[in-house]
Amino acid sequence: MDGHAEGGLKNVSSVCSISEMDDYNLSRLLDRPRLNIERQRSFDERSLSELSIGFTRAHLDNLESTYSPGRRSGFDTPASSTRNSFEPHPMVAEAWDALRRSLVYFRGQPLGTLAAVDHAAEEVLNYDQIFVRDFVPSALAFLMNGEHDIVKNFLVKTLQIQGWEKKIDRFKLGEGVMPASFKVQHDATRKSDTIVADFGESAIGRVAPVDSGFWWIILLRAYTKSTGDLSLAETPECQKGMRLILTLCLAEGFDTFPTLLCADGCSMVDRRMGIYGYPIEIQALFFMALRCALAMLKHDEEGKECIEKIVKRLHALSYHMRSYFWLDFQQLNDIYRYKTEEYSHTAVNKFNVIPDSIPDWVFDFMPTRGGYFIGNVSPARMDFRWFALGNCVAILASLATLEQSAAIMDLIEARWEELVGEMPLKITYPALEGHEWRIVTGCDPKNTRWSYHNGGSWPVLLWLLTAACIKTGRPQIARRAIDLAESRLLKDSWPEYYDGKLGRFVGKQSRKYQTWSIAGYLVAKMMLEDPSHLGMISLEEDKQMNPVLKRSSSWNC
């Protein structure tokens, strides 16, 4: 199907070939020279208040987060402390070989990695595609290894795909939606490569991926920090891509909360698991993407308007999340004593949560010392489940305060058997069972108790745990988790996930040679060996977003 030009990009069907489009190919952006500029001050350390007043500083100031190669990135754990104790594991070479076997090429250039290369699997399904979220750990591994071109190719090509017209049945998706995945099709006869993308129209449940756009922005910053190359982020195409993604999220509507309203299945938990509403994973990624974009958007007319919206949203979002999503022993006790059916600004129980709805397991699970961001908060509902990705990203983005970050680590140590067990790391805890499983998951046979997204253990989360451990000065926790992974992963052929309360069994439908399991291990190892790598995926705390957390009178008992 031929597309028609609109706004400088071709609008084509999501099943259209890129080869049928004007070749706004990689050459247009990849040939631009790199700039390695020594930075005097990290943008991440500047306060938002400097941006919210006037926006008159020079454009380069807002890219001062760029990482200069060889420079330390500003966290507590010294590189030497891990380097001296780090011994290369024979598994590392095997992991690199497996990662390289997953590489996908488009017109002779490496473009991404397949989700899995499991030749023993009976069905390929969509595991032979490049997923945006799955490629992130692969991209970080390549960046840490000094292989930047594949990441640049991926960023540029997904940006091009974003410009396609996106329709599901007769409904048109927002212009800024990034694909969940895409596939490169090689035609040996015609000697041509084409791309077919999935924006959710082929996904189970037909849900568009909200997280893809956020991961793209986060990866763009990681590339910029790792290489010192400002030219890619500064291109009109990348600037427009970021603005389009954020326009979908920052639009005014009926929401009374600064959090982002989402459907089930819009993130890593891509099947029905009762995360509809305001899931912690999306809120943490949203916050991180906002902060990353803030560092990369130009202060031109269009960028300035977007920056103003970002600054306002960040202040509101950080307050809301730190106040209402945070749960520790004291807050749990407060909720336990809530009165209901309260009205007006003096209400204590602001969301009208019924204390009897607090599940019994929470009281035993919550240690006296420790805490975490719960899964969801909305009217008459608090999802008390633990979600690993959202809590780790909250630490890396500095959505969590220093005290909250330390409390999350305390919780992981205190509840090691439940959250880590024999294979890092539980994607969510606890599992849904019985009647609750039937109602919440729709009797999903793949998400049975302690399997897949319903309490399964996912090795890919090892890199996020390691990054969070290094940032909080707890590398010993990461080392312990990596030791567990090294006892099983290679022997089990790099499974996608593990089953069981302790993660003892290879997942019932788990793919072998799952690429992000491989890449997640490599990123964790390289980060522990050289903690300066953390700088590409971590954001320093912004003091202006850290007022003393005084909830309004409606939250004080």
Protein backbone atom coordinates (compact mmCIF):
# COMPACT_ATOMS: atom_id res chain seq x y z
CA MET A 1 0.00 0.00 0.00
CA ASP A 2 1.40 3.37 -0.95
CA GLY A 3 1.46 6.07 1.67
CA HIS A 4 0.98 9.80 1.20
CA ALA A 5 3.20 12.54 2.53
CA GLU A 6 2.05 14.44 5.56
CA GLY A 7 4.18 16.62 7.79
CA GLY A 8 7.37 15.52 6.06
CA LEU A 9 6.92 11.80 6.74
CA LYS A 10 5.20 9.06 4.83
CA ASN A 11 1.98 7.83 6.38
CA VAL A 12 1.73 4.16 5.60
CA SER A 13 0.00 1.11 6.96
CA SER A 14 1.83 -0.67 9.74
CA VAL A 15 2.20 -3.66 7.44
CA CYS A 16 3.83 -1.57 4.74
CA SER A 17 7.44 -2.06 3.76
CA ILE A 18 10.01 0.54 4.69
CA SER A 19 11.55 -0.12 1.30
CA GLU A 20 8.44 1.40 -0.27
CA MET A 21 9.07 4.66 1.54
CA ASP A 22 11.49 7.42 0.70
CA ASP A 23 14.75 6.24 2.13
CA TYR A 24 14.94 8.56 5.03
CA ASN A 25 17.31 5.68 5.65
CA LEU A 26 19.92 5.56 8.34
CA SER A 27 22.41 7.48 6.23
CA ARG A 28 20.65 10.79 6.79
CA LEU A 29 21.28 10.67 10.52
CA LEU A 30 24.12 8.21 10.92
CA ASP A 31 26.62 10.18 8.85
CA ARG A 32 26.50 13.19 11.12
CA PRO A 33 29.72 13.69 13.06
CA ARG A 34 29.89 12.86 16.74
CA LEU A 35 30.66 15.53 19.25
CA ASN A 36 32.62 14.62 22.32
CA ILE A 37 32.23 17.59 24.62
CA GLU A 38 33.63 17.74 28.15
CA ARG A 39 30.82 18.61 30.50
CA GLN A 40 31.39 20.86 33.48
CA ARG A 41 28.20 20.09 35.29
CA SER A 42 25.61 17.33 35.05
CA PHE A 43 22.13 18.37 34.06
CA ASP A 44 20.82 15.65 36.34
CA GLU A 45 22.19 17.62 39.30
CA ARG A 46 20.47 20.86 38.29
CA SER A 47 17.16 21.68 39.86
CA LEU A 48 13.95 21.91 37.93
CA SER A 49 13.41 25.38 39.32
CA GLU A 50 16.20 26.65 37.05
CA LEU A 51 14.16 25.49 34.09
CA SER A 52 10.79 26.63 35.30
CA ILE A 53 11.86 30.29 35.46
CA GLY A 54 12.20 31.93 32.08
CA PHE A 55 13.82 29.11 30.07
CA THR A 56 16.46 31.53 28.82
CA ARG A 57 19.63 29.46 29.15
CA ALA A 58 21.63 28.38 26.13
CA HIS A 59 20.56 25.17 24.42
CA LEU A 60 23.69 23.26 25.29
CA ASP A 61 22.99 23.75 28.98
CA ASN A 62 20.03 21.44 28.77
CA LEU A 63 22.19 18.65 27.44
CA GLU A 64 24.73 18.79 30.21
CA SER A 65 23.74 15.32 31.28
CA THR A 66 25.88 13.95 28.47
CA TYR A 67 28.37 11.43 29.73
CA SER A 68 31.96 12.08 28.74
CA PRO A 69 33.77 8.77 28.24
CA GLY A 70 36.01 7.96 31.17
CA ARG A 71 34.19 10.24 33.57
CA ARG A 72 32.61 8.89 36.74
CA SER A 73 28.89 9.40 36.98
CA GLY A 74 28.33 10.44 40.55
CA PHE A 75 27.23 7.66 42.86
CA ASP A 76 28.66 6.25 46.04
CA THR A 77 30.10 2.83 45.23
CA PRO A 78 33.71 3.22 44.00
CA ALA A 79 34.60 1.28 40.86
CA SER A 80 37.72 -0.12 42.50
CA SER A 81 35.74 -1.88 45.22
CA THR A 82 34.03 -4.08 42.67
CA ARG A 83 36.84 -4.28 40.14
CA ASN A 84 39.27 -5.74 42.65
CA SER A 85 36.83 -8.46 43.62
CA PHE A 86 35.46 -9.14 40.15
CA GLU A 87 36.57 -12.30 38.35
CA PRO A 88 35.40 -12.97 34.78
CA HIS A 89 32.98 -15.88 34.70
CA PRO A 90 33.19 -18.40 31.84
CA MET A 91 29.47 -17.79 31.30
CA VAL A 92 30.19 -14.27 30.02
CA ALA A 93 31.76 -15.48 26.75
CA GLU A 94 28.85 -17.87 26.18
CA ALA A 95 26.42 -15.02 26.79
CA TRP A 96 28.12 -12.76 24.24
CA ASP A 97 28.06 -15.55 21.64
CA ALA A 98 24.35 -16.11 22.25
CA LEU A 99 23.61 -12.38 22.12
CA ARG A 100 25.40 -12.00 18.78
CA ARG A 101 23.45 -14.93 17.33
CA SER A 102 20.27 -12.96 18.00
CA LEU A 103 21.37 -9.96 15.91
CA VAL A 104 19.04 -8.83 13.12
CA TYR A 105 20.35 -7.02 10.04
CA PHE A 106 18.52 -4.57 7.80
CA ARG A 107 20.23 -3.81 4.49
CA GLY A 108 23.51 -5.05 5.86
CA GLN A 109 23.40 -2.98 9.06
CA PRO A 110 22.74 -4.44 12.55
CA LEU A 111 19.36 -3.16 13.68
CA GLY A 112 18.39 -5.02 16.85
CA THR A 113 18.09 -8.42 18.49
CA LEU A 114 15.41 -11.09 18.25
CA ALA A 115 13.29 -11.72 21.33
CA ALA A 116 14.47 -15.34 21.40
CA VAL A 117 16.43 -17.80 19.27
CA ASP A 118 14.86 -21.02 20.51
CA HIS A 119 15.20 -23.51 17.69
CA ALA A 120 13.51 -26.20 19.76
CA ALA A 121 10.28 -24.21 20.15
CA GLU A 122 7.30 -25.65 18.30
CA GLU A 123 5.83 -22.24 17.52
CA VAL A 124 7.76 -19.09 16.66
CA LEU A 125 4.85 -16.72 17.38
CA ASN A 126 6.36 -13.21 17.63
CA TYR A 127 9.62 -14.21 19.31
CA ASP A 128 11.36 -13.74 15.95
CA GLN A 129 10.74 -9.99 16.15
CA ILE A 130 12.65 -7.05 17.62
CA PHE A 131 10.74 -5.75 20.64
CA VAL A 132 11.40 -2.20 21.80
CA ARG A 133 11.34 -3.07 25.51
CA ASP A 134 13.29 -6.33 25.00
CA PHE A 135 16.06 -4.59 23.08
CA VAL A 136 16.87 -2.15 25.91
CA PRO A 137 19.14 -4.54 27.89
CA SER A 138 20.76 -5.66 24.62
CA ALA A 139 21.36 -2.01 23.72
CA LEU A 140 22.91 -1.29 27.12
CA ALA A 141 25.21 -4.29 26.75
CA PHE A 142 26.39 -3.07 23.35
CA LEU A 143 26.86 0.49 24.63
CA MET A 144 28.90 -0.74 27.59
CA ASN A 145 31.00 -2.76 25.16
CA GLY A 146 31.65 0.30 22.96
CA GLU A 147 29.42 -0.96 20.10
CA HIS A 148 27.30 2.12 19.50
CA ASP A 149 26.18 1.83 15.89
CA ILE A 150 23.59 -0.89 16.43
CA VAL A 151 21.91 1.25 19.11
CA LYS A 152 21.94 4.29 16.85
CA ASN A 153 20.49 2.24 13.98
CA PHE A 154 17.70 0.99 16.26
CA LEU A 155 16.83 4.45 17.58
CA VAL A 156 16.65 5.92 14.08
CA LYS A 157 14.64 3.08 12.54
CA THR A 158 12.06 2.92 15.33
CA LEU A 159 11.69 6.68 15.01
CA GLN A 160 10.96 6.21 11.32
CA ILE A 161 8.38 3.52 12.12
CA GLN A 162 6.72 5.91 14.58
CA GLY A 163 5.86 8.10 11.59
CA TRP A 164 3.72 5.40 9.99
CA GLU A 165 -0.04 5.67 10.07
CA LYS A 166 -1.29 3.28 12.75
CA LYS A 167 -4.72 1.70 12.45
CA ILE A 168 -6.35 -1.13 14.36
CA ASP A 169 -9.54 -2.16 12.58
CA ARG A 170 -11.00 1.24 11.70
CA PHE A 171 -9.49 3.16 14.61
CA LYS A 172 -6.41 5.36 14.24
CA LEU A 173 -3.85 5.41 17.04
CA GLY A 174 -2.06 8.52 18.28
CA GLU A 175 0.76 9.84 16.12
CA GLY A 176 3.34 9.40 18.87
CA VAL A 177 2.75 5.68 19.55
CA MET A 178 5.91 3.61 19.18
CA PRO A 179 5.69 0.00 17.97
CA ALA A 180 5.67 -2.90 20.39
CA SER A 181 7.84 -4.81 17.94
CA PHE A 182 8.83 -5.10 14.30
CA LYS A 183 10.13 -7.81 12.02
CA VAL A 184 12.70 -7.66 9.22
CA GLN A 185 11.70 -9.78 6.24
CA HIS A 186 14.46 -10.78 3.83
CA ASP A 187 13.56 -11.47 0.19
CA ALA A 188 16.45 -13.50 -1.22
CA THR A 189 15.05 -13.40 -4.75
CA ARG A 190 14.67 -9.64 -4.93
CA LYS A 191 17.58 -9.10 -2.55
CA SER A 192 15.55 -6.66 -0.52
CA ASP A 193 14.66 -6.16 3.13
CA THR A 194 11.30 -4.94 4.37
CA ILE A 195 9.91 -4.19 7.83
CA VAL A 196 6.54 -5.13 9.29
CA ALA A 197 5.62 -3.45 12.58
CA ASP A 198 3.14 -4.28 15.33
CA PHE A 199 1.57 -1.37 17.23
CA GLY A 200 -0.74 -3.66 19.19
CA GLU A 201 -2.95 -4.85 16.35
CA SER A 202 -1.36 -8.33 16.49
CA ALA A 203 -0.75 -8.48 20.24
CA ILE A 204 -2.69 -10.72 22.58
CA GLY A 205 -5.52 -8.49 23.79
CA ARG A 206 -4.85 -5.89 21.05
CA VAL A 207 -3.34 -3.36 23.47
CA ALA A 208 -0.91 -0.67 22.33
CA PRO A 209 2.40 -0.61 24.25
CA VAL A 210 2.50 2.48 26.46
CA ASP A 211 6.01 1.65 27.65
CA SER A 212 7.69 1.51 24.21
CA GLY A 213 7.83 5.29 23.81
CA PHE A 214 9.22 5.75 27.32
CA TRP A 215 11.92 3.12 26.79
CA TRP A 216 12.85 4.79 23.49
CA ILE A 217 13.43 8.15 25.22
CA ILE A 218 15.36 6.48 28.05
CA LEU A 219 17.54 4.62 25.54
CA LEU A 220 18.17 7.80 23.54
CA ARG A 221 19.54 9.43 26.69
CA ALA A 222 21.61 6.30 27.50
CA TYR A 223 23.14 6.47 24.02
CA THR A 224 23.90 10.17 24.44
CA LYS A 225 25.41 9.66 27.89
CA SER A 226 27.50 6.70 26.77
CA THR A 227 28.91 8.20 23.56
CA GLY A 228 28.99 11.93 24.19
CA ASP A 229 27.28 12.24 20.78
CA LEU A 230 24.73 15.06 20.97
CA SER A 231 23.99 15.12 17.26
CA LEU A 232 21.36 12.36 17.23
CA ALA A 233 19.21 13.78 20.03
CA GLU A 234 19.47 17.24 18.46
CA THR A 235 18.08 16.22 15.06
CA PRO A 236 14.63 17.62 14.21
CA GLU A 237 13.39 14.05 13.83
CA CYS A 238 14.38 13.00 17.35
CA GLN A 239 13.11 16.24 18.83
CA LYS A 240 9.76 15.72 17.12
CA GLY A 241 9.68 12.04 18.14
CA MET A 242 10.09 12.94 21.81
CA ARG A 243 7.45 15.65 21.62
CA LEU A 244 4.97 13.30 19.95
CA ILE A 245 5.43 10.65 22.65
CA LEU A 246 5.01 13.19 25.43
CA THR A 247 2.03 14.88 23.77
CA LEU A 248 0.10 11.64 24.25
CA CYS A 249 0.85 11.74 27.98
CA LEU A 250 0.72 15.43 28.82
CA ALA A 251 -2.60 16.24 27.16
CA GLU A 252 -5.18 17.77 29.46
CA GLY A 253 -8.32 15.78 30.14
CA PHE A 254 -10.60 14.66 32.94
CA ASP A 255 -7.85 13.24 35.16
CA THR A 256 -7.59 14.57 38.68
CA PHE A 257 -4.27 12.73 39.21
CA PRO A 258 -0.90 13.43 37.51
CA THR A 259 -0.42 9.70 36.97
CA LEU A 260 -1.06 8.10 33.57
CA LEU A 261 -4.26 6.10 33.06
CA CYS A 262 -3.55 2.81 31.29
CA ALA A 263 -5.19 -0.40 30.14
CA ASP A 264 -4.15 -3.90 31.18
CA GLY A 265 -1.39 -5.40 29.03
CA CYS A 266 0.32 -2.12 28.08
CA SER A 267 3.77 -2.89 29.52
CA MET A 268 6.08 -5.81 30.34
CA VAL A 269 3.05 -7.40 32.00
CA ASP A 270 1.43 -7.67 28.57
CA ARG A 271 -1.56 -9.86 29.45
CA ARG A 272 -4.51 -9.25 31.72
CA MET A 273 -3.18 -9.16 35.26
CA GLY A 274 -5.32 -6.52 36.92
CA ILE A 275 -2.86 -3.66 36.40
CA TYR A 276 -5.36 -1.40 34.62
CA GLY A 277 -5.58 2.08 36.08
CA TYR A 278 -2.30 3.62 37.23
CA PRO A 279 0.28 0.77 37.27
CA ILE A 280 3.56 1.49 39.07
CA GLU A 281 5.67 0.26 36.11
CA ILE A 282 4.19 2.83 33.74
CA GLN A 283 4.28 5.66 36.28
CA ALA A 284 7.97 5.06 37.04
CA LEU A 285 8.86 4.82 33.35
CA PHE A 286 6.75 7.92 32.64
CA PHE A 287 8.62 9.86 35.32
CA MET A 288 12.01 8.69 34.03
CA ALA A 289 11.14 9.48 30.41
CA LEU A 290 9.99 12.97 31.41
CA ARG A 291 13.30 13.64 33.14
CA CYS A 292 15.33 12.21 30.24
CA ALA A 293 13.39 14.30 27.70
CA LEU A 294 13.87 17.39 29.85
CA ALA A 295 17.62 16.96 29.43
CA MET A 296 17.45 16.52 25.65
CA LEU A 297 14.69 18.82 24.35
CA LYS A 298 15.83 22.01 22.69
CA HIS A 299 14.72 25.36 24.04
CA ASP A 300 13.17 26.38 20.73
CA GLU A 301 9.55 27.46 20.42
CA GLU A 302 8.10 23.94 20.28
CA GLY A 303 10.49 22.47 22.82
CA LYS A 304 9.95 25.28 25.29
CA GLU A 305 6.21 24.62 25.50
CA CYS A 306 6.82 20.93 26.08
CA ILE A 307 9.48 21.63 28.72
CA GLU A 308 7.09 23.86 30.69
CA LYS A 309 4.52 21.05 30.76
CA ILE A 310 7.16 18.50 31.80
CA VAL A 311 8.38 20.60 34.73
CA LYS A 312 4.86 21.08 36.08
CA ARG A 313 4.01 17.41 35.65
CA LEU A 314 7.20 16.20 37.31
CA HIS A 315 6.56 18.18 40.47
CA ALA A 316 2.96 16.91 40.71
CA LEU A 317 3.86 13.33 39.77
CA SER A 318 6.72 13.03 42.25
CA TYR A 319 4.54 14.33 45.09
CA HIS A 320 1.62 12.06 44.18
CA MET A 321 3.72 8.90 43.87
CA ARG A 322 5.83 9.49 46.98
CA SER A 323 2.75 10.26 49.03
CA TYR A 324 0.01 7.91 47.86
CA PHE A 325 1.81 4.93 46.28
CA TRP A 326 4.36 4.52 49.07
CA LEU A 327 3.75 1.83 51.65
CA ASP A 328 5.74 1.09 54.77
CA PHE A 329 4.82 -0.26 58.19
CA GLN A 330 3.51 3.07 59.50
CA GLN A 331 1.46 3.81 56.39
CA LEU A 332 -0.01 0.30 56.43
CA ASN A 333 -1.07 0.84 60.02
CA ASP A 334 -2.68 4.15 59.05
CA ILE A 335 -4.66 2.54 56.20
CA TYR A 336 -5.73 -0.28 58.53
CA ARG A 337 -7.41 2.35 60.75
CA TYR A 338 -9.13 4.28 57.94
CA LYS A 339 -12.74 5.41 58.22
CA THR A 340 -14.81 5.34 55.03
CA GLU A 341 -17.46 7.44 53.27
CA GLU A 342 -15.67 10.67 54.17
CA TYR A 343 -16.26 13.84 52.25
CA SER A 344 -14.51 17.18 51.73
CA HIS A 345 -10.88 18.26 52.08
CA THR A 346 -10.77 17.09 55.68
CA ALA A 347 -11.18 13.44 54.66
CA VAL A 348 -8.45 11.13 55.94
CA ASN A 349 -9.26 8.30 53.52
CA LYS A 350 -8.88 10.31 50.33
CA PHE A 351 -9.52 7.46 47.87
CA ASN A 352 -12.21 5.80 50.01
CA VAL A 353 -10.26 2.57 50.40
CA ILE A 354 -12.12 0.01 52.54
CA PRO A 355 -9.71 -1.32 55.20
CA ASP A 356 -11.28 -4.78 54.91
CA SER A 357 -9.95 -4.90 51.34
CA ILE A 358 -6.35 -5.06 52.60
CA PRO A 359 -5.20 -8.61 51.81
CA ASP A 360 -4.00 -10.70 54.75
CA TRP A 361 -0.60 -11.44 53.20
CA VAL A 362 0.46 -7.77 53.41
CA PHE A 363 0.52 -7.74 57.21
CA ASP A 364 3.00 -10.63 57.31
CA PHE A 365 4.97 -9.43 54.28
CA MET A 366 5.64 -5.88 55.49
CA PRO A 367 8.77 -5.76 57.66
CA THR A 368 9.11 -3.18 60.43
CA ARG A 369 11.97 -1.67 58.45
CA GLY A 370 11.45 -1.33 54.72
CA GLY A 371 8.85 -0.27 52.19
CA TYR A 372 7.91 -0.15 48.50
CA PHE A 373 5.71 1.49 45.90
CA ILE A 374 2.51 -0.53 45.61
CA GLY A 375 1.13 -1.63 42.26
CA ASN A 376 -1.79 0.74 41.80
CA VAL A 377 -3.88 3.42 43.50
CA SER A 378 -7.29 4.59 42.28
CA PRO A 379 -10.76 5.20 43.75
CA ALA A 380 -11.63 2.48 46.31
CA ARG A 381 -8.61 0.48 45.21
CA MET A 382 -5.08 -0.10 46.38
CA ASP A 383 -3.18 -2.93 44.68
CA PHE A 384 -0.70 -3.93 47.38
CA ARG A 385 1.28 -6.29 45.15
CA TRP A 386 5.02 -5.80 44.73
CA PHE A 387 6.16 -5.12 41.14
CA ALA A 388 9.93 -5.38 40.67
CA LEU A 389 10.38 -3.32 37.51
CA GLY A 390 8.43 -0.31 38.77
CA ASN A 391 10.30 -0.20 42.08
CA CYS A 392 13.74 -0.57 40.49
CA VAL A 393 13.01 2.13 37.89
CA ALA A 394 11.70 4.39 40.68
CA ILE A 395 15.14 4.13 42.30
CA LEU A 396 17.05 4.71 39.05
CA ALA A 397 14.90 7.72 38.08
CA SER A 398 15.09 9.17 41.61
CA LEU A 399 11.32 9.02 41.79
CA ALA A 400 12.01 7.36 45.12
CA THR A 401 13.67 9.61 47.68
CA LEU A 402 16.99 8.49 49.17
CA GLU A 403 15.11 7.21 52.20
CA GLN A 404 12.55 5.36 50.09
CA SER A 405 15.28 3.85 47.89
CA ALA A 406 17.04 2.53 51.00
CA ALA A 407 13.73 1.16 52.28
CA ILE A 408 13.11 -0.74 49.03
CA MET A 409 16.54 -2.35 49.38
CA ASP A 410 15.77 -3.16 53.02
CA LEU A 411 12.57 -4.88 51.92
CA ILE A 412 14.39 -6.98 49.30
CA GLU A 413 16.92 -8.11 51.90
CA ALA A 414 14.24 -8.80 54.51
CA ARG A 415 12.02 -10.72 52.06
CA TRP A 416 14.76 -12.37 49.99
CA GLU A 417 13.08 -15.79 49.85
CA GLU A 418 9.81 -14.31 48.60
CA LEU A 419 11.20 -11.79 46.08
CA VAL A 420 14.41 -13.51 44.90
CA GLY A 421 14.36 -17.13 46.05
CA GLU A 422 16.51 -19.35 43.84
CA MET A 423 16.36 -17.22 40.68
CA PRO A 424 16.23 -13.44 40.46
CA LEU A 425 13.71 -11.84 40.31
CA LYS A 426 9.97 -12.09 41.01
CA ILE A 427 8.18 -9.87 38.50
CA THR A 428 5.31 -9.52 40.97
CA TYR A 429 4.49 -10.83 44.42
CA PRO A 430 2.38 -12.61 45.48
CA ALA A 431 0.68 -14.73 42.84
CA LEU A 432 -3.06 -14.57 42.23
CA GLU A 433 -4.76 -17.86 43.02
CA GLY A 434 -8.15 -19.53 42.96
CA HIS A 435 -11.20 -17.34 42.50
CA GLU A 436 -9.10 -14.16 42.42
CA TRP A 437 -7.00 -15.61 39.57
CA ARG A 438 -10.13 -16.50 37.59
CA ILE A 439 -11.65 -13.04 37.98
CA VAL A 440 -8.53 -10.88 37.58
CA THR A 441 -6.76 -12.77 34.77
CA GLY A 442 -9.85 -14.11 33.00
CA CYS A 443 -8.66 -17.68 33.69
CA ASP A 444 -5.46 -17.07 31.74
CA PRO A 445 -3.82 -20.54 31.41
CA LYS A 446 -0.35 -19.01 30.93
CA ASN A 447 -0.61 -16.83 34.04
CA THR A 448 -1.37 -19.62 36.47
CA ARG A 449 -0.07 -19.15 40.02
CA TRP A 450 3.71 -18.62 40.37
CA SER A 451 4.17 -18.67 36.60
CA TYR A 452 4.90 -16.16 33.85
CA HIS A 453 3.63 -12.71 34.95
CA ASN A 454 1.71 -14.17 37.89
CA GLY A 455 4.59 -14.51 40.34
CA GLY A 456 7.12 -15.93 37.88
CA SER A 457 10.85 -15.16 38.18
CA TRP A 458 12.43 -13.23 35.29
CA PRO A 459 16.24 -13.25 34.87
CA VAL A 460 16.10 -10.06 32.76
CA LEU A 461 15.23 -8.12 35.93
CA LEU A 462 18.73 -8.88 37.20
CA TRP A 463 20.15 -5.82 35.42
CA LEU A 464 17.57 -3.51 36.98
CA LEU A 465 18.17 -4.96 40.43
CA THR A 466 21.94 -4.59 39.97
CA ALA A 467 21.62 -0.97 38.85
CA ALA A 468 19.38 -0.18 41.83
CA CYS A 469 21.81 -1.92 44.20
CA ILE A 470 24.79 0.05 42.92
CA LYS A 471 22.92 3.33 43.10
CA THR A 472 21.91 2.70 46.71
CA GLY A 473 25.37 1.53 47.72
CA ARG A 474 24.34 -2.12 48.16
CA PRO A 475 26.49 -3.97 45.56
CA GLN A 476 26.63 -7.04 47.82
CA ILE A 477 22.92 -7.65 47.13
CA ALA A 478 23.55 -7.62 43.38
CA ARG A 479 26.54 -9.92 43.75
CA ARG A 480 24.43 -12.42 45.67
CA ALA A 481 21.70 -12.31 43.00
CA ILE A 482 24.20 -12.72 40.16
CA ASP A 483 25.71 -15.76 41.89
CA LEU A 484 22.26 -17.34 41.94
CA ALA A 485 21.73 -16.63 38.24
CA GLU A 486 25.13 -18.06 37.32
CA SER A 487 24.27 -21.34 39.01
CA ARG A 488 21.38 -21.97 36.61
CA LEU A 489 21.05 -19.70 33.57
CA LEU A 490 23.57 -21.27 31.17
CA LYS A 491 22.78 -24.81 32.26
CA ASP A 492 19.08 -24.13 31.62
CA SER A 493 19.81 -22.51 28.20
CA TRP A 494 18.88 -18.94 29.19
CA PRO A 495 15.13 -19.35 29.85
CA GLU A 496 12.64 -16.51 29.54
CA TYR A 497 11.26 -17.09 33.04
CA TYR A 498 11.12 -19.57 35.93
CA ASP A 499 8.12 -20.97 37.79
CA GLY A 500 7.37 -21.76 41.42
CA LYS A 501 7.35 -19.87 44.71
CA LEU A 502 11.16 -19.90 44.80
CA GLY A 503 11.73 -19.81 41.04
CA ARG A 504 13.14 -23.36 41.04
CA PHE A 505 11.61 -24.62 37.79
CA VAL A 506 12.14 -23.53 34.19
CA GLY A 507 8.88 -21.91 33.10
CA LYS A 508 6.21 -24.18 31.68
CA GLN A 509 6.06 -22.23 28.39
CA SER A 510 9.40 -20.46 28.79
CA ARG A 511 11.46 -19.92 25.64
CA LYS A 512 15.09 -20.95 25.71
CA TYR A 513 17.84 -18.56 24.59
CA GLN A 514 15.64 -15.61 25.49
CA THR A 515 17.74 -12.63 24.41
CA TRP A 516 16.91 -10.27 27.23
CA SER A 517 17.75 -12.95 29.81
CA ILE A 518 21.19 -13.14 28.18
CA ALA A 519 21.62 -9.37 27.86
CA GLY A 520 20.30 -8.69 31.36
CA TYR A 521 23.01 -10.94 32.79
CA LEU A 522 25.74 -9.24 30.74
CA VAL A 523 24.61 -5.75 31.75
CA ALA A 524 24.53 -6.76 35.41
CA LYS A 525 28.06 -8.21 35.19
CA MET A 526 29.52 -5.22 33.35
CA MET A 527 27.85 -2.74 35.66
CA LEU A 528 29.18 -4.50 38.74
CA GLU A 529 32.65 -4.63 37.18
CA ASP A 530 32.58 -0.94 36.23
CA PRO A 531 29.89 0.96 38.17
CA SER A 532 30.49 4.11 36.08
CA HIS A 533 28.22 2.45 33.50
CA LEU A 534 25.34 3.26 35.84
CA GLY A 535 25.49 6.86 34.65
CA MET A 536 23.79 6.05 31.35
CA ILE A 537 20.69 4.62 33.03
CA SER A 538 20.50 6.51 36.32
CA LEU A 539 19.31 10.02 37.17
CA GLU A 540 20.53 11.95 40.16
CA GLU A 541 18.08 13.23 42.73
CA ASP A 542 16.65 16.69 42.08
CA LYS A 543 16.52 18.62 45.33
CA GLN A 544 13.68 20.85 44.11
CA MET A 545 11.43 17.79 43.82
CA ASN A 546 12.21 16.85 47.41
CA PRO A 547 10.16 19.09 49.68
CA VAL A 548 9.38 17.62 53.08
CA LEU A 549 6.55 15.21 52.40
CA LYS A 550 3.68 16.78 54.28
CA ARG A 551 0.46 15.29 53.05
CA SER A 552 -2.53 17.55 53.02
CA SER A 553 -4.72 17.45 56.13
CA SER A 554 -6.86 14.88 54.37
CA TRP A 555 -4.05 12.35 54.79
CA ASN A 556 -3.13 13.03 58.39
CA CYS A 557 -4.81 10.79 60.92
